Full PDB file with SEQRES, HELIX, SHEET, SSBOND, CRYST1, ORIGX, SCALE, CONECT and MASTER records, all heavy atoms in Angstrom:
SEQRES   1 A   42  ASP ASP GLU VAL LEU VAL ASP VAL ALA ALA VAL ARG ARG          
SEQRES   2 A   42  LEU ALA SER GLY SER VAL ALA ASP SER TRP GLU ALA ASP          
SEQRES   3 A   42  PHE GLN GLY MET LEU ASP PHE ALA ARG SER LYS ARG TRP          
SEQRES   4 A   42  LEU THR ASP                                                  
HELIX    1 AA1 VAL A    8  ALA A   15  1                                   8    
HELIX    2 AA2 TRP A   23  SER A   36  1                                  14    
CRYST1    1.000    1.000    1.000  90.00  90.00  90.00 P 1           1          
ORIGX1      1.000000  0.000000  0.000000        0.00000                         
ORIGX2      0.000000  1.000000  0.000000        0.00000                         
ORIGX3      0.000000  0.000000  1.000000        0.00000                         
SCALE1      1.000000  0.000000  0.000000        0.00000                         
SCALE2      0.000000  1.000000  0.000000        0.00000                         
SCALE3      0.000000  0.000000  1.000000        0.00000                         
ATOM      1  N   ASP A   1       0.855  -1.191   0.000  1.00  0.00           N  
ATOM      2  CA  ASP A   1       0.000   0.000   0.000  1.00  0.00           C  
ATOM      3  C   ASP A   1       0.892   1.243   0.000  1.00  0.00           C  
ATOM      4  O   ASP A   1       1.757   1.350  -0.849  1.00  0.00           O  
ATOM      5  CB  ASP A   1      -0.985  -0.017   1.163  1.00  0.00           C  
ATOM      6  CG  ASP A   1      -2.032  -1.120   1.016  1.00  0.00           C  
ATOM      7  OD1 ASP A   1      -2.435  -1.396  -0.130  1.00  0.00           O  
ATOM      8  OD2 ASP A   1      -2.422  -1.694   2.040  1.00  0.00           O  
ATOM      9  N   ASP A   2       0.707   2.152   0.962  1.00  0.00           N  
ATOM     10  CA  ASP A   2       1.503   3.382   0.995  1.00  0.00           C  
ATOM     11  C   ASP A   2       2.755   3.250   1.849  1.00  0.00           C  
ATOM     12  O   ASP A   2       3.441   4.243   2.097  1.00  0.00           O  
ATOM     13  CB  ASP A   2       0.654   4.541   1.516  1.00  0.00           C  
ATOM     14  CG  ASP A   2      -0.428   4.935   0.527  1.00  0.00           C  
ATOM     15  OD1 ASP A   2      -0.230   4.729  -0.695  1.00  0.00           O  
ATOM     16  OD2 ASP A   2      -1.477   5.432   0.965  1.00  0.00           O  
ATOM     17  N   GLU A   3       3.053   2.048   2.307  1.00  0.00           N  
ATOM     18  CA  GLU A   3       4.224   1.814   3.147  1.00  0.00           C  
ATOM     19  C   GLU A   3       5.153   0.819   2.455  1.00  0.00           C  
ATOM     20  O   GLU A   3       4.886   0.376   1.352  1.00  0.00           O  
ATOM     21  CB  GLU A   3       3.783   1.278   4.514  1.00  0.00           C  
ATOM     22  CG  GLU A   3       2.911   2.273   5.260  1.00  0.00           C  
ATOM     23  CD  GLU A   3       2.351   1.715   6.540  1.00  0.00           C  
ATOM     24  OE1 GLU A   3       1.810   0.596   6.519  1.00  0.00           O  
ATOM     25  OE2 GLU A   3       2.432   2.424   7.545  1.00  0.00           O  
ATOM     26  N   VAL A   4       6.243   0.509   3.141  1.00  0.00           N  
ATOM     27  CA  VAL A   4       7.209  -0.453   2.621  1.00  0.00           C  
ATOM     28  C   VAL A   4       7.461  -1.502   3.685  1.00  0.00           C  
ATOM     29  O   VAL A   4       7.537  -1.190   4.877  1.00  0.00           O  
ATOM     30  CB  VAL A   4       8.537   0.251   2.247  1.00  0.00           C  
ATOM     31  CG1 VAL A   4       9.645  -0.754   1.978  1.00  0.00           C  
ATOM     32  CG2 VAL A   4       8.345   1.147   1.033  1.00  0.00           C  
ATOM     33  N   LEU A   5       7.573  -2.746   3.263  1.00  0.00           N  
ATOM     34  CA  LEU A   5       8.017  -3.821   4.134  1.00  0.00           C  
ATOM     35  C   LEU A   5       9.492  -4.039   3.834  1.00  0.00           C  
ATOM     36  O   LEU A   5       9.854  -4.470   2.730  1.00  0.00           O  
ATOM     37  CB  LEU A   5       7.220  -5.097   3.888  1.00  0.00           C  
ATOM     38  CG  LEU A   5       5.755  -5.040   4.286  1.00  0.00           C  
ATOM     39  CD1 LEU A   5       5.042  -6.326   3.885  1.00  0.00           C  
ATOM     40  CD2 LEU A   5       5.609  -4.799   5.782  1.00  0.00           C  
ATOM     41  N   VAL A   6      10.345  -3.696   4.809  1.00  0.00           N  
ATOM     42  CA  VAL A   6      11.792  -3.799   4.659  1.00  0.00           C  
ATOM     43  C   VAL A   6      12.254  -5.085   5.332  1.00  0.00           C  
ATOM     44  O   VAL A   6      11.957  -5.311   6.509  1.00  0.00           O  
ATOM     45  CB  VAL A   6      12.510  -2.584   5.288  1.00  0.00           C  
ATOM     46  CG1 VAL A   6      14.014  -2.727   5.147  1.00  0.00           C  
ATOM     47  CG2 VAL A   6      12.029  -1.288   4.650  1.00  0.00           C  
ATOM     48  N   ASP A   7      12.980  -5.911   4.598  1.00  0.00           N  
ATOM     49  CA  ASP A   7      13.477  -7.172   5.140  1.00  0.00           C  
ATOM     50  C   ASP A   7      14.482  -6.918   6.257  1.00  0.00           C  
ATOM     51  O   ASP A   7      15.449  -6.160   6.071  1.00  0.00           O  
ATOM     52  CB  ASP A   7      14.140  -8.005   4.053  1.00  0.00           C  
ATOM     53  CG  ASP A   7      13.180  -8.442   2.957  1.00  0.00           C  
ATOM     54  OD1 ASP A   7      11.959  -8.445   3.208  1.00  0.00           O  
ATOM     55  OD2 ASP A   7      13.656  -8.771   1.864  1.00  0.00           O  
ATOM     56  N   VAL A   8      14.264  -7.567   7.397  1.00  0.00           N  
ATOM     57  CA  VAL A   8      15.167  -7.443   8.542  1.00  0.00           C  
ATOM     58  C   VAL A   8      16.579  -7.874   8.139  1.00  0.00           C  
ATOM     59  O   VAL A   8      17.563  -7.213   8.483  1.00  0.00           O  
ATOM     60  CB  VAL A   8      14.643  -8.264   9.741  1.00  0.00           C  
ATOM     61  CG1 VAL A   8      15.668  -8.337  10.855  1.00  0.00           C  
ATOM     62  CG2 VAL A   8      13.325  -7.684  10.248  1.00  0.00           C  
ATOM     63  N   ALA A   9      16.677  -8.954   7.382  1.00  0.00           N  
ATOM     64  CA  ALA A   9      17.992  -9.442   6.944  1.00  0.00           C  
ATOM     65  C   ALA A   9      18.696  -8.413   6.058  1.00  0.00           C  
ATOM     66  O   ALA A   9      19.928  -8.268   6.122  1.00  0.00           O  
ATOM     67  CB  ALA A   9      17.839 -10.765   6.206  1.00  0.00           C  
ATOM     68  N   ALA A  10      17.940  -7.681   5.257  1.00  0.00           N  
ATOM     69  CA  ALA A  10      18.541  -6.659   4.396  1.00  0.00           C  
ATOM     70  C   ALA A  10      19.095  -5.510   5.223  1.00  0.00           C  
ATOM     71  O   ALA A  10      20.159  -4.970   4.906  1.00  0.00           O  
ATOM     72  CB  ALA A  10      17.510  -6.144   3.393  1.00  0.00           C  
ATOM     73  N   VAL A  11      18.397  -5.130   6.286  1.00  0.00           N  
ATOM     74  CA  VAL A  11      18.906  -4.066   7.159  1.00  0.00           C  
ATOM     75  C   VAL A  11      20.236  -4.508   7.762  1.00  0.00           C  
ATOM     76  O   VAL A  11      21.213  -3.745   7.773  1.00  0.00           O  
ATOM     77  CB  VAL A  11      17.895  -3.711   8.265  1.00  0.00           C  
ATOM     78  CG1 VAL A  11      18.496  -2.700   9.241  1.00  0.00           C  
ATOM     79  CG2 VAL A  11      16.610  -3.171   7.664  1.00  0.00           C  
ATOM     80  N   ARG A  12      20.292  -5.737   8.246  1.00  0.00           N  
ATOM     81  CA  ARG A  12      21.553  -6.253   8.811  1.00  0.00           C  
ATOM     82  C   ARG A  12      22.656  -6.244   7.753  1.00  0.00           C  
ATOM     83  O   ARG A  12      23.786  -5.867   8.027  1.00  0.00           O  
ATOM     84  CB  ARG A  12      21.349  -7.657   9.364  1.00  0.00           C  
ATOM     85  CG  ARG A  12      20.583  -7.672  10.661  1.00  0.00           C  
ATOM     86  CD  ARG A  12      20.567  -9.072  11.290  1.00  0.00           C  
ATOM     87  NE  ARG A  12      20.008  -9.008  12.626  1.00  0.00           N  
ATOM     88  CZ  ARG A  12      18.815  -9.458  12.964  1.00  0.00           C  
ATOM     89  NH1 ARG A  12      18.029 -10.016  12.052  1.00  0.00           N  
ATOM     90  NH2 ARG A  12      18.400  -9.360  14.212  1.00  0.00           N  
ATOM     91  N   ARG A  13      22.323  -6.667   6.550  1.00  0.00           N  
ATOM     92  CA  ARG A  13      23.311  -6.703   5.461  1.00  0.00           C  
ATOM     93  C   ARG A  13      23.814  -5.303   5.124  1.00  0.00           C  
ATOM     94  O   ARG A  13      25.024  -5.078   4.995  1.00  0.00           O  
ATOM     95  CB  ARG A  13      22.679  -7.354   4.226  1.00  0.00           C  
ATOM     96  CG  ARG A  13      23.648  -7.530   3.067  1.00  0.00           C  
ATOM     97  CD  ARG A  13      22.985  -8.121   1.829  1.00  0.00           C  
ATOM     98  NE  ARG A  13      22.191  -7.105   1.144  1.00  0.00           N  
ATOM     99  CZ  ARG A  13      20.879  -7.147   0.975  1.00  0.00           C  
ATOM    100  NH1 ARG A  13      20.170  -8.143   1.424  1.00  0.00           N  
ATOM    101  NH2 ARG A  13      20.248  -6.182   0.328  1.00  0.00           N  
ATOM    102  N   LEU A  14      22.895  -4.350   5.020  1.00  0.00           N  
ATOM    103  CA  LEU A  14      23.283  -2.981   4.667  1.00  0.00           C  
ATOM    104  C   LEU A  14      24.068  -2.297   5.776  1.00  0.00           C  
ATOM    105  O   LEU A  14      24.916  -1.446   5.507  1.00  0.00           O  
ATOM    106  CB  LEU A  14      22.040  -2.158   4.315  1.00  0.00           C  
ATOM    107  CG  LEU A  14      21.315  -2.559   3.032  1.00  0.00           C  
ATOM    108  CD1 LEU A  14      19.981  -1.840   2.933  1.00  0.00           C  
ATOM    109  CD2 LEU A  14      22.177  -2.294   1.812  1.00  0.00           C  
ATOM    110  N   ALA A  15      23.808  -2.662   7.022  1.00  0.00           N  
ATOM    111  CA  ALA A  15      24.512  -2.050   8.157  1.00  0.00           C  
ATOM    112  C   ALA A  15      25.872  -2.675   8.408  1.00  0.00           C  
ATOM    113  O   ALA A  15      26.748  -2.047   9.021  1.00  0.00           O  
ATOM    114  CB  ALA A  15      23.658  -2.165   9.420  1.00  0.00           C  
ATOM    115  N   SER A  16      26.065  -3.879   7.937  1.00  0.00           N  
ATOM    116  CA  SER A  16      27.295  -4.623   8.200  1.00  0.00           C  
ATOM    117  C   SER A  16      28.537  -3.828   7.813  1.00  0.00           C  
ATOM    118  O   SER A  16      28.616  -3.246   6.735  1.00  0.00           O  
ATOM    119  CB  SER A  16      27.266  -5.940   7.417  1.00  0.00           C  
ATOM    120  OG  SER A  16      28.445  -6.663   7.636  1.00  0.00           O  
ATOM    121  N   GLY A  17      29.489  -3.795   8.742  1.00  0.00           N  
ATOM    122  CA  GLY A  17      30.747  -3.103   8.492  1.00  0.00           C  
ATOM    123  C   GLY A  17      30.730  -1.618   8.799  1.00  0.00           C  
ATOM    124  O   GLY A  17      31.773  -0.976   8.754  1.00  0.00           O  
ATOM    125  N   SER A  18      29.563  -1.072   9.115  1.00  0.00           N  
ATOM    126  CA  SER A  18      29.507   0.368   9.383  1.00  0.00           C  
ATOM    127  C   SER A  18      28.908   0.688  10.746  1.00  0.00           C  
ATOM    128  O   SER A  18      28.622   1.850  11.025  1.00  0.00           O  
ATOM    129  CB  SER A  18      28.717   1.084   8.278  1.00  0.00           C  
ATOM    130  OG  SER A  18      27.382   0.633   8.253  1.00  0.00           O  
ATOM    131  N   VAL A  19      28.722  -0.338  11.580  1.00  0.00           N  
ATOM    132  CA  VAL A  19      28.150  -0.125  12.906  1.00  0.00           C  
ATOM    133  C   VAL A  19      29.017  -0.829  13.955  1.00  0.00           C  
ATOM    134  O   VAL A  19      29.766  -1.750  13.636  1.00  0.00           O  
ATOM    135  CB  VAL A  19      26.693  -0.639  12.991  1.00  0.00           C  
ATOM    136  CG1 VAL A  19      25.774   0.220  12.149  1.00  0.00           C  
ATOM    137  CG2 VAL A  19      26.590  -2.092  12.571  1.00  0.00           C  
ATOM    138  N   ALA A  20      28.873  -0.387  15.191  1.00  0.00           N  
ATOM    139  CA  ALA A  20      29.639  -0.966  16.298  1.00  0.00           C  
ATOM    140  C   ALA A  20      29.103  -2.349  16.659  1.00  0.00           C  
ATOM    141  O   ALA A  20      27.990  -2.722  16.278  1.00  0.00           O  
ATOM    142  CB  ALA A  20      29.557  -0.044  17.515  1.00  0.00           C  
ATOM    143  N   ASP A  21      29.899  -3.076  17.422  1.00  0.00           N  
ATOM    144  CA  ASP A  21      29.492  -4.417  17.855  1.00  0.00           C  
ATOM    145  C   ASP A  21      28.200  -4.394  18.662  1.00  0.00           C  
ATOM    146  O   ASP A  21      27.435  -5.363  18.637  1.00  0.00           O  
ATOM    147  CB  ASP A  21      30.597  -5.065  18.688  1.00  0.00           C  
ATOM    148  CG  ASP A  21      31.832  -5.389  17.845  1.00  0.00           C  
ATOM    149  OD1 ASP A  21      31.709  -5.477  16.606  1.00  0.00           O  
ATOM    150  OD2 ASP A  21      32.912  -5.554  18.438  1.00  0.00           O  
ATOM    151  N   SER A  22      27.936  -3.310  19.356  1.00  0.00           N  
ATOM    152  CA  SER A  22      26.726  -3.204  20.185  1.00  0.00           C  
ATOM    153  C   SER A  22      25.464  -2.969  19.353  1.00  0.00           C  
ATOM    154  O   SER A  22      24.352  -3.013  19.874  1.00  0.00           O  
ATOM    155  CB  SER A  22      26.882  -2.074  21.204  1.00  0.00           C  
ATOM    156  OG  SER A  22      27.038  -0.839  20.525  1.00  0.00           O  
ATOM    157  N   TRP A  23      25.628  -2.749  18.069  1.00  0.00           N  
ATOM    158  CA  TRP A  23      24.493  -2.421  17.205  1.00  0.00           C  
ATOM    159  C   TRP A  23      23.434  -3.510  17.209  1.00  0.00           C  
ATOM    160  O   TRP A  23      22.240  -3.211  17.229  1.00  0.00           O  
ATOM    161  CB  TRP A  23      24.966  -2.168  15.773  1.00  0.00           C  
ATOM    162  CG  TRP A  23      23.855  -1.837  14.832  1.00  0.00           C  
ATOM    163  CD1 TRP A  23      23.290  -0.623  14.631  1.00  0.00           C  
ATOM    164  CD2 TRP A  23      23.147  -2.746  13.967  1.00  0.00           C  
ATOM    165  NE1 TRP A  23      22.288  -0.705  13.685  1.00  0.00           N  
ATOM    166  CE2 TRP A  23      22.190  -2.004  13.270  1.00  0.00           C  
ATOM    167  CE3 TRP A  23      23.255  -4.108  13.713  1.00  0.00           C  
ATOM    168  CZ2 TRP A  23      21.335  -2.570  12.329  1.00  0.00           C  
ATOM    169  CZ3 TRP A  23      22.394  -4.683  12.783  1.00  0.00           C  
ATOM    170  CH2 TRP A  23      21.447  -3.917  12.102  1.00  0.00           C  
ATOM    171  N   GLU A  24      23.838  -4.761  17.192  1.00  0.00           N  
ATOM    172  CA  GLU A  24      22.861  -5.847  17.112  1.00  0.00           C  
ATOM    173  C   GLU A  24      21.880  -5.790  18.278  1.00  0.00           C  
ATOM    174  O   GLU A  24      20.679  -5.988  18.091  1.00  0.00           O  
ATOM    175  CB  GLU A  24      23.555  -7.213  17.069  1.00  0.00           C  
ATOM    176  CG  GLU A  24      22.595  -8.380  16.884  1.00  0.00           C  
ATOM    177  CD  GLU A  24      21.765  -8.333  15.602  1.00  0.00           C  
ATOM    178  OE1 GLU A  24      22.285  -7.977  14.531  1.00  0.00           O  
ATOM    179  OE2 GLU A  24      20.557  -8.664  15.686  1.00  0.00           O  
ATOM    180  N   ALA A  25      22.380  -5.490  19.483  1.00  0.00           N  
ATOM    181  CA  ALA A  25      21.480  -5.371  20.647  1.00  0.00           C  
ATOM    182  C   ALA A  25      20.542  -4.179  20.469  1.00  0.00           C  
ATOM    183  O   ALA A  25      19.347  -4.274  20.788  1.00  0.00           O  
ATOM    184  CB  ALA A  25      22.284  -5.236  21.931  1.00  0.00           C  
ATOM    185  N   ASP A  26      21.058  -3.076  19.968  1.00  0.00           N  
ATOM    186  CA  ASP A  26      20.225  -1.896  19.722  1.00  0.00           C  
ATOM    187  C   ASP A  26      19.170  -2.191  18.656  1.00  0.00           C  
ATOM    188  O   ASP A  26      18.001  -1.803  18.785  1.00  0.00           O  
ATOM    189  CB  ASP A  26      21.077  -0.708  19.285  1.00  0.00           C  
ATOM    190  CG  ASP A  26      22.016  -0.219  20.368  1.00  0.00           C  
ATOM    191  OD1 ASP A  26      21.777  -0.510  21.552  1.00  0.00           O  
ATOM    192  OD2 ASP A  26      23.015   0.449  20.010  1.00  0.00           O  
ATOM    193  N   PHE A  27      19.586  -2.877  17.611  1.00  0.00           N  
ATOM    194  CA  PHE A  27      18.662  -3.219  16.526  1.00  0.00           C  
ATOM    195  C   PHE A  27      17.585  -4.170  17.041  1.00  0.00           C  
ATOM    196  O   PHE A  27      16.408  -4.014  16.711  1.00  0.00           O  
ATOM    197  CB  PHE A  27      19.428  -3.824  15.352  1.00  0.00           C  
ATOM    198  CG  PHE A  27      18.583  -4.117  14.153  1.00  0.00           C  
ATOM    199  CD1 PHE A  27      17.827  -3.122  13.548  1.00  0.00           C  
ATOM    200  CD2 PHE A  27      18.548  -5.385  13.612  1.00  0.00           C  
ATOM    201  CE1 PHE A  27      17.039  -3.381  12.434  1.00  0.00           C  
ATOM    202  CE2 PHE A  27      17.771  -5.667  12.493  1.00  0.00           C  
ATOM    203  CZ  PHE A  27      17.021  -4.667  11.902  1.00  0.00           C  
ATOM    204  N   GLN A  28      17.964  -5.124  17.864  1.00  0.00           N  
ATOM    205  CA  GLN A  28      16.979  -6.045  18.430  1.00  0.00           C  
ATOM    206  C   GLN A  28      15.965  -5.286  19.290  1.00  0.00           C  
ATOM    207  O   GLN A  28      14.780  -5.580  19.267  1.00  0.00           O  
ATOM    208  CB  GLN A  28      17.648  -7.146  19.252  1.00  0.00           C  
ATOM    209  CG  GLN A  28      16.669  -8.208  19.727  1.00  0.00           C  
ATOM    210  CD  GLN A  28      15.936  -8.889  18.573  1.00  0.00           C  
ATOM    211  OE1 GLN A  28      16.553  -9.383  17.631  1.00  0.00           O  
ATOM    212  NE2 GLN A  28      14.611  -8.911  18.635  1.00  0.00           N  
ATOM    213  N   GLY A  29      16.440  -4.284  20.029  1.00  0.00           N  
ATOM    214  CA  GLY A  29      15.527  -3.442  20.801  1.00  0.00           C  
ATOM    215  C   GLY A  29      14.546  -2.722  19.896  1.00  0.00           C  
ATOM    216  O   GLY A  29      13.355  -2.601  20.219  1.00  0.00           O  
ATOM    217  N   MET A  30      15.034  -2.247  18.743  1.00  0.00           N  
ATOM    218  CA  MET A  30      14.162  -1.586  17.784  1.00  0.00           C  
ATOM    219  C   MET A  30      13.121  -2.572  17.248  1.00  0.00           C  
ATOM    220  O   MET A  30      11.937  -2.242  17.121  1.00  0.00           O  
ATOM    221  CB  MET A  30      14.976  -1.008  16.625  1.00  0.00           C  
ATOM    222  CG  MET A  30      14.152  -0.194  15.648  1.00  0.00           C  
ATOM    223  SD  MET A  30      15.090   0.319  14.215  1.00  0.00           S  
ATOM    224  CE  MET A  30      14.543  -0.934  13.066  1.00  0.00           C  
ATOM    225  N   LEU A  31      13.550  -3.796  16.954  1.00  0.00           N  
ATOM    226  CA  LEU A  31      12.629  -4.813  16.455  1.00  0.00           C  
ATOM    227  C   LEU A  31      11.580  -5.165  17.507  1.00  0.00           C  
ATOM    228  O   LEU A  31      10.395  -5.341  17.181  1.00  0.00           O  
ATOM    229  CB  LEU A  31      13.387  -6.068  16.024  1.00  0.00           C  
ATOM    230  CG  LEU A  31      14.301  -5.911  14.808  1.00  0.00           C  
ATOM    231  CD1 LEU A  31      15.082  -7.205  14.581  1.00  0.00           C  
ATOM    232  CD2 LEU A  31      13.534  -5.503  13.582  1.00  0.00           C  
ATOM    233  N   ASP A  32      11.997  -5.255  18.762  1.00  0.00           N  
ATOM    234  CA  ASP A  32      11.046  -5.544  19.841  1.00  0.00           C  
ATOM    235  C   ASP A  32      10.003  -4.437  19.951  1.00  0.00           C  
ATOM    236  O   ASP A  32       8.808  -4.703  20.112  1.00  0.00           O  
ATOM    237  CB  ASP A  32      11.777  -5.723  21.174  1.00  0.00           C  
ATOM    238  CG  ASP A  32      12.640  -6.975  21.207  1.00  0.00           C  
ATOM    239  OD1 ASP A  32      12.453  -7.881  20.365  1.00  0.00           O  
ATOM    240  OD2 ASP A  32      13.543  -7.036  22.077  1.00  0.00           O  
ATOM    241  N   PHE A  33      10.460  -3.180  19.852  1.00  0.00           N  
ATOM    242  CA  PHE A  33       9.527  -2.055  19.884  1.00  0.00           C  
ATOM    243  C   PHE A  33       8.583  -2.112  18.681  1.00  0.00           C  
ATOM    244  O   PHE A  33       7.365  -1.921  18.819  1.00  0.00           O  
ATOM    245  CB  PHE A  33      10.292  -0.731  19.920  1.00  0.00           C  
ATOM    246  CG  PHE A  33       9.395   0.466  19.957  1.00  0.00           C  
ATOM    247  CD1 PHE A  33       8.750   0.826  21.129  1.00  0.00           C  
ATOM    248  CD2 PHE A  33       9.189   1.250  18.825  1.00  0.00           C  
ATOM    249  CE1 PHE A  33       7.906   1.933  21.170  1.00  0.00           C  
ATOM    250  CE2 PHE A  33       8.352   2.352  18.853  1.00  0.00           C  
ATOM    251  CZ  PHE A  33       7.711   2.694  20.039  1.00  0.00           C  
ATOM    252  N   ALA A  34       9.137  -2.390  17.500  1.00  0.00           N  
ATOM    253  CA  ALA A  34       8.313  -2.488  16.291  1.00  0.00           C  
ATOM    254  C   ALA A  34       7.265  -3.588  16.440  1.00  0.00           C  
ATOM    255  O   ALA A  34       6.110  -3.414  16.034  1.00  0.00           O  
ATOM    256  CB  ALA A  34       9.198  -2.748  15.075  1.00  0.00           C  
ATOM    257  N   ARG A  35       7.643  -4.691  17.041  1.00  0.00           N  
ATOM    258  CA  ARG A  35       6.687  -5.781  17.253  1.00  0.00           C  
ATOM    259  C   ARG A  35       5.552  -5.316  18.178  1.00  0.00           C  
ATOM    260  O   ARG A  35       4.386  -5.602  17.916  1.00  0.00           O  
ATOM    261  CB  ARG A  35       7.391  -6.998  17.861  1.00  0.00           C  
ATOM    262  CG  ARG A  35       6.439  -8.174  18.089  1.00  0.00           C  
ATOM    263  CD  ARG A  35       7.156  -9.423  18.562  1.00  0.00           C  
ATOM    264  NE  ARG A  35       7.776 -10.079  17.405  1.00  0.00           N  
ATOM    265  CZ  ARG A  35       9.096 -10.201  17.233  1.00  0.00           C  
ATOM    266  NH1 ARG A  35       9.935  -9.760  18.135  1.00  0.00           N  
ATOM    267  NH2 ARG A  35       9.568 -10.793  16.160  1.00  0.00           N  
ATOM    268  N   SER A  36       5.883  -4.569  19.223  1.00  0.00           N  
ATOM    269  CA  SER A  36       4.865  -4.103  20.166  1.00  0.00           C  
ATOM    270  C   SER A  36       3.879  -3.143  19.505  1.00  0.00           C  
ATOM    271  O   SER A  36       2.738  -3.021  19.947  1.00  0.00           O  
ATOM    272  CB  SER A  36       5.514  -3.435  21.384  1.00  0.00           C  
ATOM    273  OG  SER A  36       5.989  -2.134  21.085  1.00  0.00           O  
ATOM    274  N   LYS A  37       4.304  -2.461  18.459  1.00  0.00           N  
ATOM    275  CA  LYS A  37       3.442  -1.525  17.727  1.00  0.00           C  
ATOM    276  C   LYS A  37       2.801  -2.161  16.491  1.00  0.00           C  
ATOM    277  O   LYS A  37       2.119  -1.484  15.739  1.00  0.00           O  
ATOM    278  CB  LYS A  37       4.258  -0.300  17.288  1.00  0.00           C  
ATOM    279  CG  LYS A  37       4.826   0.498  18.442  1.00  0.00           C  
ATOM    280  CD  LYS A  37       3.720   1.103  19.248  1.00  0.00           C  
ATOM    281  CE  LYS A  37       4.288   2.009  20.326  1.00  0.00           C  
ATOM    282  NZ  LYS A  37       3.238   2.596  21.144  1.00  0.00           N  
ATOM    283  N   ARG A  38       3.078  -3.457  16.288  1.00  0.00           N  
ATOM    284  CA  ARG A  38       2.588  -4.202  15.126  1.00  0.00           C  
ATOM    285  C   ARG A  38       3.175  -3.685  13.814  1.00  0.00           C  
ATOM    286  O   ARG A  38       2.537  -3.735  12.762  1.00  0.00           O  
ATOM    287  CB  ARG A  38       1.063  -4.244  15.092  1.00  0.00           C  
ATOM    288  CG  ARG A  38       0.486  -4.843  16.383  1.00  0.00           C  
ATOM    289  CD  ARG A  38      -0.963  -5.183  16.328  1.00  0.00           C  
ATOM    290  NE  ARG A  38      -1.381  -6.025  15.232  1.00  0.00           N  
ATOM    291  CZ  ARG A  38      -1.317  -7.366  15.216  1.00  0.00           C  
ATOM    292  NH1 ARG A  38      -0.819  -8.003  16.222  1.00  0.00           N  
ATOM    293  NH2 ARG A  38      -1.754  -8.035  14.161  1.00  0.00           N  
ATOM    294  N   TRP A  39       4.410  -3.159  13.890  1.00  0.00           N  
ATOM    295  CA  TRP A  39       5.130  -2.703  12.705  1.00  0.00           C  
ATOM    296  C   TRP A  39       6.051  -3.786  12.168  1.00  0.00           C  
ATOM    297  O   TRP A  39       6.736  -3.573  11.164  1.00  0.00           O  
ATOM    298  CB  TRP A  39       5.948  -1.455  13.004  1.00  0.00           C  
ATOM    299  CG  TRP A  39       5.140  -0.278  13.429  1.00  0.00           C  
ATOM    300  CD1 TRP A  39       3.835  -0.001  13.117  1.00  0.00           C  
ATOM    301  CD2 TRP A  39       5.574   0.791  14.262  1.00  0.00           C  
ATOM    302  NE1 TRP A  39       3.449   1.183  13.717  1.00  0.00           N  
ATOM    303  CE2 TRP A  39       4.491   1.692  14.417  1.00  0.00           C  
ATOM    304  CE3 TRP A  39       6.768   1.089  14.889  1.00  0.00           C  
ATOM    305  CZ2 TRP A  39       4.579   2.846  15.167  1.00  0.00           C  
ATOM    306  CZ3 TRP A  39       6.860   2.247  15.639  1.00  0.00           C  
ATOM    307  CH2 TRP A  39       5.769   3.121  15.774  1.00  0.00           C  
ATOM    308  N   LEU A  40       6.087  -4.929  12.830  1.00  0.00           N  
ATOM    309  CA  LEU A  40       6.882  -6.066  12.392  1.00  0.00           C  
ATOM    310  C   LEU A  40       5.903  -7.121  11.885  1.00  0.00           C  
ATOM    311  O   LEU A  40       4.848  -7.339  12.497  1.00  0.00           O  
ATOM    312  CB  LEU A  40       7.686  -6.605  13.579  1.00  0.00           C  
ATOM    313  CG  LEU A  40       8.881  -7.504  13.294  1.00  0.00           C  
ATOM    314  CD1 LEU A  40       9.940  -6.758  12.490  1.00  0.00           C  
ATOM    315  CD2 LEU A  40       9.481  -8.011  14.597  1.00  0.00           C  
ATOM    316  N   THR A  41       6.225  -7.745  10.761  1.00  0.00           N  
ATOM    317  CA  THR A  41       5.337  -8.785  10.254  1.00  0.00           C  
ATOM    318  C   THR A  41       5.236  -9.917  11.270  1.00  0.00           C  
ATOM    319  O   THR A  41       6.118 -10.084  12.118  1.00  0.00           O  
ATOM    320  CB  THR A  41       5.834  -9.326   8.900  1.00  0.00           C  
ATOM    321  OG1 THR A  41       7.168  -9.796   9.041  1.00  0.00           O  
ATOM    322  CG2 THR A  41       5.754  -8.256   7.809  1.00  0.00           C  
ATOM    323  N   ASP A  42       4.176 -10.693  11.189  1.00  0.00           N  
ATOM    324  CA  ASP A  42       3.945 -11.778  12.147  1.00  0.00           C  
ATOM    325  C   ASP A  42       5.113 -12.752  12.218  1.00  0.00           C  
ATOM    326  O   ASP A  42       5.415 -13.279  13.281  1.00  0.00           O  
ATOM    327  CB  ASP A  42       2.659 -12.536  11.812  1.00  0.00           C  
ATOM    328  CG  ASP A  42       1.413 -11.700  12.070  1.00  0.00           C  
ATOM    329  OD1 ASP A  42       1.485 -10.712  12.841  1.00  0.00           O  
ATOM    330  OD2 ASP A  42       0.359 -12.027  11.494  1.00  0.00           O  
TER     331      ASP A  42                                                      
MASTER        0    0    0    2    0    0    0    6  330    1    0    4          
END                                                                             
């Protein structure tokens, strides 16, 4: 529709090599928040 479904694996791939080691924990926190708002696919 008027939004985009962005693959989680693609975000990890695009971020690889340009983020700190702690990024994965931060990204997981973002995914958890997205899930709570129903912004993550089932």
